[in-house]
């Protein structure tokens, strides 16, 4: 009986080890779908050198891109261009805010997405006015406005959201 238990345990370690090696290997370029290959073409020469996590992120991005409307794609391109023009310090701040956002429970993430959708639904002039007003506000006024916007769009308490965190 002990030998059987020991064999099962060793077999389990062997299977886990094989899975770990498979995960470490990532997905070969040839196993990507034609659509993924088309969207990720610029990475074709270096794909097999990427860590599996990077491959997964790129594949997820390609999948999202494939489901976007032309308007959403245009907006994403514009946002990426804006991102590239930011100084490294500001890029790092945004990465940190995104990291904090990803740590929130899914319901909180969705409520913040709702705030963004609400803001985007406002007429362009009203959005501009809010942005200008924002620039002249103190930190406390900004936090109050964030809370107000969150309550207006979702009815939730914003106190622990990244949007309620101080600007740095």
N, C-alpha and C. Protein backbone atom coordinates (compact mmCIF):
# COMPACT_ATOMS: atom_id res chain seq x y z
N UNK A 1 0.83 -1.20 0.00
CA UNK A 1 0.00 0.00 0.00
C UNK A 1 0.87 1.25 0.00
N UNK A 2 1.92 1.26 0.82
CA UNK A 2 2.82 2.42 0.86
C UNK A 2 3.48 2.63 -0.49
N UNK A 3 3.83 1.56 -1.14
CA UNK A 3 4.46 1.67 -2.45
C UNK A 3 3.49 2.29 -3.44
N UNK A 4 2.24 1.91 -3.38
CA UNK A 4 1.23 2.47 -4.27
C UNK A 4 1.06 3.97 -4.02
N UNK A 5 0.98 4.38 -2.76
CA UNK A 5 0.85 5.79 -2.42
C UNK A 5 2.07 6.55 -2.91
N UNK A 6 3.26 5.98 -2.68
CA UNK A 6 4.49 6.62 -3.12
C UNK A 6 4.51 6.76 -4.64
N UNK A 7 4.06 5.74 -5.36
CA UNK A 7 4.02 5.82 -6.83
C UNK A 7 3.06 6.91 -7.29
N UNK A 8 1.91 6.99 -6.64
CA UNK A 8 0.93 8.02 -7.01
C UNK A 8 1.51 9.40 -6.77
N UNK A 9 2.18 9.58 -5.64
CA UNK A 9 2.79 10.88 -5.33
C UNK A 9 3.85 11.22 -6.36
N UNK A 10 4.73 10.26 -6.67
CA UNK A 10 5.79 10.51 -7.65
C UNK A 10 5.21 10.79 -9.04
N UNK A 11 4.18 10.04 -9.38
CA UNK A 11 3.52 10.28 -10.66
C UNK A 11 2.92 11.68 -10.70
N UNK A 12 2.31 12.11 -9.59
CA UNK A 12 1.76 13.46 -9.50
C UNK A 12 2.84 14.52 -9.69
N UNK A 13 4.00 14.33 -9.06
CA UNK A 13 5.11 15.27 -9.25
C UNK A 13 5.58 15.27 -10.69
N UNK A 14 5.61 14.11 -11.31
CA UNK A 14 6.04 14.02 -12.70
C UNK A 14 5.11 14.76 -13.64
N UNK A 15 3.80 14.59 -13.41
CA UNK A 15 2.80 15.29 -14.24
C UNK A 15 2.90 16.79 -14.01
N UNK A 16 3.01 17.20 -12.74
CA UNK A 16 3.14 18.62 -12.43
C UNK A 16 4.39 19.19 -13.06
N UNK A 17 5.47 18.44 -13.02
CA UNK A 17 6.72 18.89 -13.62
C UNK A 17 6.58 19.04 -15.14
N UNK A 18 5.91 18.10 -15.75
CA UNK A 18 5.69 18.18 -17.21
C UNK A 18 4.84 19.40 -17.55
N UNK A 19 3.78 19.66 -16.75
CA UNK A 19 2.95 20.84 -16.99
C UNK A 19 3.76 22.11 -16.82
N UNK A 20 4.61 22.14 -15.81
CA UNK A 20 5.44 23.32 -15.59
C UNK A 20 6.36 23.55 -16.78
N UNK A 21 6.95 22.48 -17.30
CA UNK A 21 7.83 22.63 -18.46
C UNK A 21 7.04 23.09 -19.68
N UNK A 22 5.82 22.58 -19.83
CA UNK A 22 4.98 23.00 -20.95
C UNK A 22 4.64 24.47 -20.83
N UNK A 23 4.32 24.93 -19.59
CA UNK A 23 4.03 26.34 -19.38
C UNK A 23 5.24 27.19 -19.67
N UNK A 24 6.43 26.71 -19.30
CA UNK A 24 7.65 27.47 -19.52
C UNK A 24 7.94 27.61 -21.01
N UNK A 25 7.51 26.65 -21.78
CA UNK A 25 7.81 26.67 -23.21
C UNK A 25 6.94 27.67 -23.97
N UNK A 26 5.80 28.00 -23.45
CA UNK A 26 4.92 28.91 -24.16
C UNK A 26 4.25 28.24 -25.34
N UNK A 27 3.75 29.05 -26.25
CA UNK A 27 3.06 28.55 -27.43
C UNK A 27 3.90 28.86 -28.66
N UNK A 28 4.27 27.84 -29.42
CA UNK A 28 5.05 28.10 -30.65
C UNK A 28 4.24 28.95 -31.64
N UNK A 29 4.94 29.76 -32.40
CA UNK A 29 4.31 30.62 -33.40
C UNK A 29 3.39 29.82 -34.32
N UNK A 30 3.83 28.64 -34.70
CA UNK A 30 3.07 27.83 -35.65
C UNK A 30 1.73 27.37 -35.08
N UNK A 31 1.57 27.40 -33.76
CA UNK A 31 0.31 26.97 -33.16
C UNK A 31 -0.68 28.12 -32.94
N UNK A 32 -0.28 29.34 -33.27
CA UNK A 32 -1.21 30.46 -33.18
C UNK A 32 -2.21 30.36 -34.33
N UNK A 33 -3.40 30.85 -34.10
CA UNK A 33 -4.40 30.85 -35.17
C UNK A 33 -3.96 31.82 -36.26
N UNK A 34 -4.47 31.66 -37.48
CA UNK A 34 -4.12 32.60 -38.55
C UNK A 34 -4.44 34.05 -38.18
N UNK A 35 -5.55 34.27 -37.49
CA UNK A 35 -5.91 35.62 -37.06
C UNK A 35 -4.91 36.18 -36.08
N UNK A 36 -4.48 35.35 -35.12
CA UNK A 36 -3.48 35.80 -34.16
C UNK A 36 -2.16 36.09 -34.86
N UNK A 37 -1.78 35.23 -35.77
CA UNK A 37 -0.53 35.45 -36.51
C UNK A 37 -0.59 36.76 -37.30
N UNK A 38 -1.73 37.04 -37.88
CA UNK A 38 -1.85 38.28 -38.65
C UNK A 38 -1.71 39.50 -37.74
N UNK A 39 -2.42 39.48 -36.60
CA UNK A 39 -2.36 40.62 -35.70
C UNK A 39 -1.00 40.76 -35.00
N UNK A 40 -0.31 39.65 -34.80
CA UNK A 40 0.97 39.66 -34.08
C UNK A 40 2.16 39.52 -35.03
N UNK A 41 1.95 39.76 -36.30
CA UNK A 41 2.97 39.54 -37.33
C UNK A 41 4.31 40.18 -36.99
N UNK A 42 4.30 41.37 -36.42
CA UNK A 42 5.57 42.06 -36.16
C UNK A 42 6.42 41.34 -35.12
N UNK A 43 5.83 40.38 -34.39
CA UNK A 43 6.58 39.61 -33.40
C UNK A 43 6.98 38.23 -33.91
N UNK A 44 6.70 37.93 -35.16
CA UNK A 44 6.90 36.56 -35.66
C UNK A 44 8.35 36.08 -35.52
N UNK A 45 9.31 36.96 -35.74
CA UNK A 45 10.72 36.54 -35.67
C UNK A 45 11.21 36.29 -34.25
N UNK A 46 10.59 36.94 -33.28
CA UNK A 46 11.06 36.83 -31.90
C UNK A 46 10.06 36.13 -30.98
N UNK A 47 8.92 35.71 -31.51
CA UNK A 47 7.86 35.13 -30.69
C UNK A 47 8.36 34.01 -29.79
N UNK A 48 9.10 33.08 -30.33
CA UNK A 48 9.52 31.91 -29.56
C UNK A 48 10.53 32.27 -28.47
N UNK A 49 11.06 33.48 -28.49
CA UNK A 49 12.00 33.91 -27.46
C UNK A 49 11.29 34.61 -26.30
N UNK A 50 10.02 34.95 -26.47
CA UNK A 50 9.27 35.63 -25.43
C UNK A 50 8.94 34.67 -24.29
N UNK A 51 8.93 35.20 -23.06
CA UNK A 51 8.45 34.38 -21.93
C UNK A 51 6.97 34.05 -22.14
N UNK A 52 6.53 32.93 -21.61
CA UNK A 52 5.12 32.53 -21.79
C UNK A 52 4.13 33.59 -21.33
N UNK A 53 4.44 34.31 -20.25
CA UNK A 53 3.50 35.34 -19.76
C UNK A 53 3.35 36.46 -20.79
N UNK A 54 4.44 36.85 -21.43
CA UNK A 54 4.36 37.90 -22.45
C UNK A 54 3.57 37.39 -23.66
N UNK A 55 3.81 36.15 -24.04
CA UNK A 55 3.04 35.57 -25.14
C UNK A 55 1.54 35.60 -24.82
N UNK A 56 1.21 35.23 -23.59
CA UNK A 56 -0.19 35.21 -23.19
C UNK A 56 -0.79 36.61 -23.23
N UNK A 57 -0.05 37.60 -22.73
CA UNK A 57 -0.56 38.98 -22.75
C UNK A 57 -0.78 39.44 -24.19
N UNK A 58 0.18 39.13 -25.07
CA UNK A 58 0.03 39.55 -26.46
C UNK A 58 -1.15 38.85 -27.13
N UNK A 59 -1.32 37.58 -26.84
CA UNK A 59 -2.45 36.85 -27.42
C UNK A 59 -3.77 37.42 -26.91
N UNK A 60 -3.84 37.74 -25.61
CA UNK A 60 -5.06 38.33 -25.06
C UNK A 60 -5.34 39.68 -25.71
N UNK A 61 -4.29 40.46 -25.90
CA UNK A 61 -4.46 41.76 -26.56
C UNK A 61 -4.95 41.60 -27.99
N UNK A 62 -4.39 40.63 -28.70
CA UNK A 62 -4.82 40.38 -30.09
C UNK A 62 -6.28 39.96 -30.12
N UNK A 63 -6.66 39.14 -29.15
CA UNK A 63 -8.05 38.69 -29.08
C UNK A 63 -8.99 39.87 -28.83
N UNK A 64 -8.61 40.76 -27.90
CA UNK A 64 -9.43 41.94 -27.62
C UNK A 64 -9.51 42.84 -28.85
N UNK A 65 -8.36 43.04 -29.50
CA UNK A 65 -8.32 43.89 -30.69
C UNK A 65 -9.27 43.36 -31.76
N UNK A 66 -9.30 42.04 -31.90
CA UNK A 66 -10.15 41.41 -32.90
C UNK A 66 -11.64 41.61 -32.65
N UNK A 67 -12.01 41.89 -31.40
CA UNK A 67 -13.43 42.08 -31.09
C UNK A 67 -13.84 43.55 -31.02
N UNK A 68 -12.88 44.46 -31.19
CA UNK A 68 -13.18 45.90 -31.10
C UNK A 68 -13.86 46.40 -32.37
N UNK A 69 -14.67 47.43 -32.19
CA UNK A 69 -15.25 48.12 -33.33
C UNK A 69 -14.17 49.03 -33.93
N UNK A 70 -14.34 49.49 -35.15
CA UNK A 70 -13.36 50.42 -35.72
C UNK A 70 -13.17 51.68 -34.86
N UNK A 71 -14.25 52.16 -34.24
CA UNK A 71 -14.13 53.34 -33.38
C UNK A 71 -13.28 53.04 -32.15
N UNK A 72 -13.52 51.87 -31.56
CA UNK A 72 -12.74 51.47 -30.38
C UNK A 72 -11.26 51.30 -30.74
N UNK A 73 -11.01 50.77 -31.91
CA UNK A 73 -9.61 50.60 -32.35
C UNK A 73 -8.94 51.95 -32.53
N UNK A 74 -9.66 52.89 -33.13
CA UNK A 74 -9.10 54.22 -33.33
C UNK A 74 -8.79 54.88 -32.00
N UNK A 75 -9.71 54.75 -31.05
CA UNK A 75 -9.49 55.33 -29.73
C UNK A 75 -8.29 54.69 -29.05
N UNK A 76 -8.16 53.37 -29.18
CA UNK A 76 -7.02 52.67 -28.58
C UNK A 76 -5.70 53.14 -29.20
N UNK A 77 -5.69 53.33 -30.50
CA UNK A 77 -4.49 53.84 -31.18
C UNK A 77 -4.11 55.22 -30.66
N UNK A 78 -5.12 56.08 -30.52
CA UNK A 78 -4.86 57.43 -30.01
C UNK A 78 -4.32 57.40 -28.59
N UNK A 79 -4.91 56.55 -27.76
CA UNK A 79 -4.45 56.46 -26.38
C UNK A 79 -3.02 55.94 -26.32
N UNK A 80 -2.69 54.99 -27.19
CA UNK A 80 -1.33 54.46 -27.21
C UNK A 80 -0.34 55.55 -27.64
N UNK A 81 -0.72 56.34 -28.63
CA UNK A 81 0.15 57.44 -29.07
C UNK A 81 0.37 58.43 -27.93
N UNK A 82 -0.70 58.73 -27.19
CA UNK A 82 -0.56 59.63 -26.03
C UNK A 82 0.37 59.01 -25.00
N UNK A 83 0.22 57.73 -24.78
CA UNK A 83 1.07 57.01 -23.81
C UNK A 83 2.55 57.15 -24.19
N UNK A 84 2.84 56.97 -25.46
CA UNK A 84 4.24 57.00 -25.91
C UNK A 84 4.88 58.37 -25.74
N UNK A 85 4.06 59.42 -25.70
CA UNK A 85 4.62 60.77 -25.56
C UNK A 85 4.81 61.18 -24.10
N UNK A 86 4.29 60.37 -23.17
CA UNK A 86 4.43 60.71 -21.75
C UNK A 86 5.86 60.50 -21.28
N UNK A 87 6.32 61.32 -20.34
CA UNK A 87 7.63 61.10 -19.74
C UNK A 87 7.61 59.78 -18.96
N UNK A 88 8.76 59.14 -18.81
CA UNK A 88 8.82 57.85 -18.11
C UNK A 88 8.20 57.88 -16.72
N UNK A 89 8.37 58.97 -15.99
CA UNK A 89 7.79 59.06 -14.65
C UNK A 89 6.28 58.98 -14.67
N UNK A 90 5.65 59.64 -15.62
CA UNK A 90 4.19 59.60 -15.74
C UNK A 90 3.73 58.22 -16.18
N UNK A 91 4.49 57.59 -17.08
CA UNK A 91 4.14 56.23 -17.49
C UNK A 91 4.17 55.30 -16.27
N UNK A 92 5.17 55.47 -15.42
CA UNK A 92 5.28 54.63 -14.23
C UNK A 92 4.11 54.87 -13.28
N UNK A 93 3.70 56.13 -13.13
CA UNK A 93 2.54 56.42 -12.28
C UNK A 93 1.29 55.72 -12.80
N UNK A 94 1.11 55.77 -14.12
CA UNK A 94 -0.06 55.11 -14.71
C UNK A 94 0.02 53.60 -14.53
N UNK A 95 1.21 53.03 -14.68
CA UNK A 95 1.36 51.59 -14.44
C UNK A 95 0.96 51.23 -13.01
N UNK A 96 1.39 52.06 -12.08
CA UNK A 96 1.07 51.81 -10.67
C UNK A 96 -0.43 51.92 -10.42
N UNK A 97 -1.07 52.91 -11.00
CA UNK A 97 -2.52 53.04 -10.84
C UNK A 97 -3.24 51.84 -11.45
N UNK A 98 -2.75 51.39 -12.60
CA UNK A 98 -3.37 50.22 -13.24
C UNK A 98 -3.16 48.97 -12.37
N UNK A 99 -1.98 48.84 -11.78
CA UNK A 99 -1.69 47.71 -10.91
C UNK A 99 -2.67 47.71 -9.73
N UNK A 100 -2.87 48.90 -9.12
CA UNK A 100 -3.82 49.00 -8.01
C UNK A 100 -5.24 48.67 -8.47
N UNK A 101 -5.60 49.13 -9.66
CA UNK A 101 -6.93 48.85 -10.22
C UNK A 101 -7.12 47.34 -10.36
N UNK A 102 -6.11 46.65 -10.88
CA UNK A 102 -6.22 45.21 -11.10
C UNK A 102 -6.34 44.42 -9.80
N UNK A 103 -5.91 45.02 -8.70
CA UNK A 103 -6.01 44.35 -7.40
C UNK A 103 -7.39 44.50 -6.77
N UNK A 104 -8.19 45.38 -7.31
CA UNK A 104 -9.55 45.59 -6.77
C UNK A 104 -10.45 44.42 -7.11
N UNK A 105 -11.48 44.21 -6.30
CA UNK A 105 -12.47 43.17 -6.64
C UNK A 105 -13.13 43.50 -7.98
N UNK A 106 -13.56 42.49 -8.71
CA UNK A 106 -14.19 42.72 -10.03
C UNK A 106 -15.35 43.71 -9.99
N UNK A 107 -16.13 43.70 -8.90
CA UNK A 107 -17.28 44.63 -8.84
C UNK A 107 -16.79 46.07 -8.80
N UNK A 108 -15.72 46.32 -8.06
CA UNK A 108 -15.17 47.68 -7.96
C UNK A 108 -14.57 48.10 -9.30
N UNK A 109 -13.89 47.18 -9.97
CA UNK A 109 -13.34 47.49 -11.29
C UNK A 109 -14.47 47.89 -12.23
N UNK A 110 -15.55 47.13 -12.19
CA UNK A 110 -16.67 47.43 -13.08
C UNK A 110 -17.29 48.77 -12.75
N UNK A 111 -17.38 49.12 -11.47
CA UNK A 111 -17.96 50.42 -11.12
C UNK A 111 -17.08 51.55 -11.64
N UNK A 112 -15.78 51.38 -11.60
CA UNK A 112 -14.90 52.41 -12.14
C UNK A 112 -14.98 52.49 -13.66
N UNK A 113 -15.16 51.34 -14.29
CA UNK A 113 -15.37 51.35 -15.75
C UNK A 113 -16.66 52.10 -16.08
N UNK A 114 -17.65 51.92 -15.23
CA UNK A 114 -18.92 52.61 -15.44
C UNK A 114 -18.74 54.12 -15.34
N UNK A 115 -17.92 54.57 -14.40
CA UNK A 115 -17.64 56.00 -14.29
C UNK A 115 -17.02 56.49 -15.59
N UNK A 116 -16.08 55.74 -16.12
CA UNK A 116 -15.43 56.14 -17.36
C UNK A 116 -16.44 56.20 -18.51
N UNK A 117 -17.31 55.18 -18.59
CA UNK A 117 -18.33 55.20 -19.64
C UNK A 117 -19.25 56.40 -19.48
N UNK A 118 -19.61 56.71 -18.22
CA UNK A 118 -20.45 57.86 -17.95
C UNK A 118 -19.77 59.14 -18.44
N UNK A 119 -18.50 59.29 -18.09
CA UNK A 119 -17.75 60.49 -18.50
C UNK A 119 -17.69 60.57 -20.02
N UNK A 120 -17.41 59.43 -20.68
CA UNK A 120 -17.32 59.43 -22.14
C UNK A 120 -18.67 59.73 -22.79
N UNK A 121 -19.76 59.46 -22.07
CA UNK A 121 -21.08 59.71 -22.65
C UNK A 121 -21.47 61.19 -22.59
N UNK A 122 -20.75 61.98 -21.80
CA UNK A 122 -21.06 63.40 -21.69
C UNK A 122 -20.72 64.10 -23.01
N UNK A 123 -21.41 65.16 -23.31
CA UNK A 123 -21.05 65.94 -24.50
C UNK A 123 -19.61 66.44 -24.39
N UNK A 124 -18.95 66.56 -25.52
CA UNK A 124 -17.55 66.96 -25.56
C UNK A 124 -17.29 68.24 -24.77
N UNK A 125 -18.15 69.22 -24.92
CA UNK A 125 -17.96 70.50 -24.22
C UNK A 125 -18.02 70.32 -22.70
N UNK A 126 -18.95 69.49 -22.25
CA UNK A 126 -19.06 69.25 -20.81
C UNK A 126 -17.82 68.51 -20.28
N UNK A 127 -17.30 67.58 -21.07
CA UNK A 127 -16.07 66.88 -20.66
C UNK A 127 -14.91 67.87 -20.57
N UNK A 128 -14.83 68.76 -21.55
CA UNK A 128 -13.76 69.78 -21.53
C UNK A 128 -13.86 70.67 -20.30
N UNK A 129 -15.09 71.07 -19.99
CA UNK A 129 -15.30 71.92 -18.81
C UNK A 129 -14.86 71.19 -17.53
N UNK A 130 -15.23 69.91 -17.43
CA UNK A 130 -14.83 69.14 -16.25
C UNK A 130 -13.30 69.00 -16.17
N UNK A 131 -12.66 68.79 -17.32
CA UNK A 131 -11.19 68.67 -17.33
C UNK A 131 -10.54 69.98 -16.90
N UNK A 132 -11.05 71.09 -17.39
CA UNK A 132 -10.49 72.39 -17.00
C UNK A 132 -10.72 72.65 -15.52
N UNK A 133 -11.91 72.34 -15.05
CA UNK A 133 -12.20 72.51 -13.63
C UNK A 133 -11.24 71.64 -12.80
N UNK A 134 -10.99 70.43 -13.28
CA UNK A 134 -10.11 69.49 -12.59
C UNK A 134 -8.70 70.07 -12.42
N UNK A 135 -8.20 70.70 -13.45
CA UNK A 135 -6.84 71.24 -13.41
C UNK A 135 -6.65 72.27 -12.31
N UNK A 136 -7.71 73.02 -11.99
CA UNK A 136 -7.60 74.07 -10.98
C UNK A 136 -7.97 73.63 -9.58
N UNK A 137 -8.25 72.35 -9.40
CA UNK A 137 -8.71 71.87 -8.09
C UNK A 137 -7.56 71.46 -7.19
N UNK A 138 -7.82 71.54 -5.90
CA UNK A 138 -6.89 71.00 -4.91
C UNK A 138 -7.10 69.49 -4.85
N UNK A 139 -6.20 68.81 -4.17
CA UNK A 139 -6.31 67.36 -4.01
C UNK A 139 -7.64 66.97 -3.35
N UNK A 140 -8.01 67.70 -2.31
CA UNK A 140 -9.25 67.39 -1.60
C UNK A 140 -10.47 67.59 -2.50
N UNK A 141 -10.45 68.67 -3.29
CA UNK A 141 -11.57 68.92 -4.20
C UNK A 141 -11.65 67.81 -5.25
N UNK A 142 -10.50 67.36 -5.72
CA UNK A 142 -10.49 66.27 -6.71
C UNK A 142 -11.08 65.00 -6.12
N UNK A 143 -10.70 64.69 -4.89
CA UNK A 143 -11.24 63.48 -4.26
C UNK A 143 -12.74 63.58 -4.07
N UNK A 144 -13.23 64.74 -3.72
CA UNK A 144 -14.67 64.95 -3.56
C UNK A 144 -15.37 64.77 -4.90
N UNK A 145 -14.81 65.35 -5.96
CA UNK A 145 -15.42 65.21 -7.29
C UNK A 145 -15.41 63.76 -7.74
N UNK A 146 -14.32 63.06 -7.51
CA UNK A 146 -14.27 61.63 -7.88
C UNK A 146 -15.40 60.88 -7.20
N UNK A 147 -15.58 61.14 -5.91
CA UNK A 147 -16.66 60.46 -5.19
C UNK A 147 -18.02 60.80 -5.75
N UNK A 148 -18.22 62.05 -6.07
CA UNK A 148 -19.50 62.49 -6.63
C UNK A 148 -19.75 61.80 -7.97
N UNK A 149 -18.74 61.79 -8.83
CA UNK A 149 -18.90 61.15 -10.14
C UNK A 149 -19.17 59.67 -9.99
N UNK A 150 -18.48 59.01 -9.08
CA UNK A 150 -18.69 57.58 -8.88
C UNK A 150 -20.10 57.32 -8.38
N UNK A 151 -20.57 58.12 -7.44
CA UNK A 151 -21.93 57.93 -6.92
C UNK A 151 -22.96 58.21 -8.01
N UNK A 152 -22.73 59.22 -8.82
CA UNK A 152 -23.68 59.55 -9.89
C UNK A 152 -23.79 58.43 -10.91
N UNK A 153 -22.65 57.82 -11.21
CA UNK A 153 -22.67 56.81 -12.27
C UNK A 153 -23.01 55.42 -11.77
N UNK A 154 -22.70 55.12 -10.50
CA UNK A 154 -22.89 53.75 -10.02
C UNK A 154 -23.66 53.64 -8.73
N UNK A 155 -23.72 54.71 -7.96
CA UNK A 155 -24.37 54.65 -6.67
C UNK A 155 -23.52 53.99 -5.60
N UNK A 156 -22.20 53.81 -5.85
CA UNK A 156 -21.32 53.13 -4.89
C UNK A 156 -20.48 54.11 -4.11
N UNK A 157 -19.91 53.62 -3.00
CA UNK A 157 -18.99 54.39 -2.18
C UNK A 157 -17.59 54.30 -2.77
N UNK A 158 -16.97 55.40 -3.16
CA UNK A 158 -15.69 55.38 -3.86
C UNK A 158 -14.46 55.38 -2.97
N UNK A 159 -14.60 55.31 -1.67
CA UNK A 159 -13.49 55.59 -0.77
C UNK A 159 -12.26 54.71 -0.97
N UNK A 160 -12.42 53.47 -1.44
CA UNK A 160 -11.23 52.62 -1.57
C UNK A 160 -10.85 52.34 -3.02
N UNK A 161 -11.34 53.15 -3.93
CA UNK A 161 -10.99 52.94 -5.33
C UNK A 161 -9.69 53.67 -5.66
N UNK A 162 -8.98 53.20 -6.74
CA UNK A 162 -7.79 53.92 -7.14
C UNK A 162 -8.10 55.34 -7.56
N UNK A 163 -9.32 55.56 -8.03
CA UNK A 163 -9.70 56.92 -8.42
C UNK A 163 -9.74 57.83 -7.21
N UNK A 164 -9.91 57.26 -6.03
CA UNK A 164 -9.96 58.08 -4.81
C UNK A 164 -8.59 58.24 -4.18
N UNK A 165 -7.60 57.62 -4.78
CA UNK A 165 -6.25 57.71 -4.24
C UNK A 165 -5.64 59.07 -4.62
N UNK A 166 -4.78 59.60 -3.78
CA UNK A 166 -4.17 60.90 -4.06
C UNK A 166 -3.34 60.87 -5.34
N UNK A 167 -3.36 61.98 -6.05
CA UNK A 167 -2.50 62.13 -7.22
C UNK A 167 -1.09 62.32 -6.74
N UNK A 168 -0.16 61.80 -7.49
CA UNK A 168 1.26 61.96 -7.11
C UNK A 168 2.01 62.67 -8.16
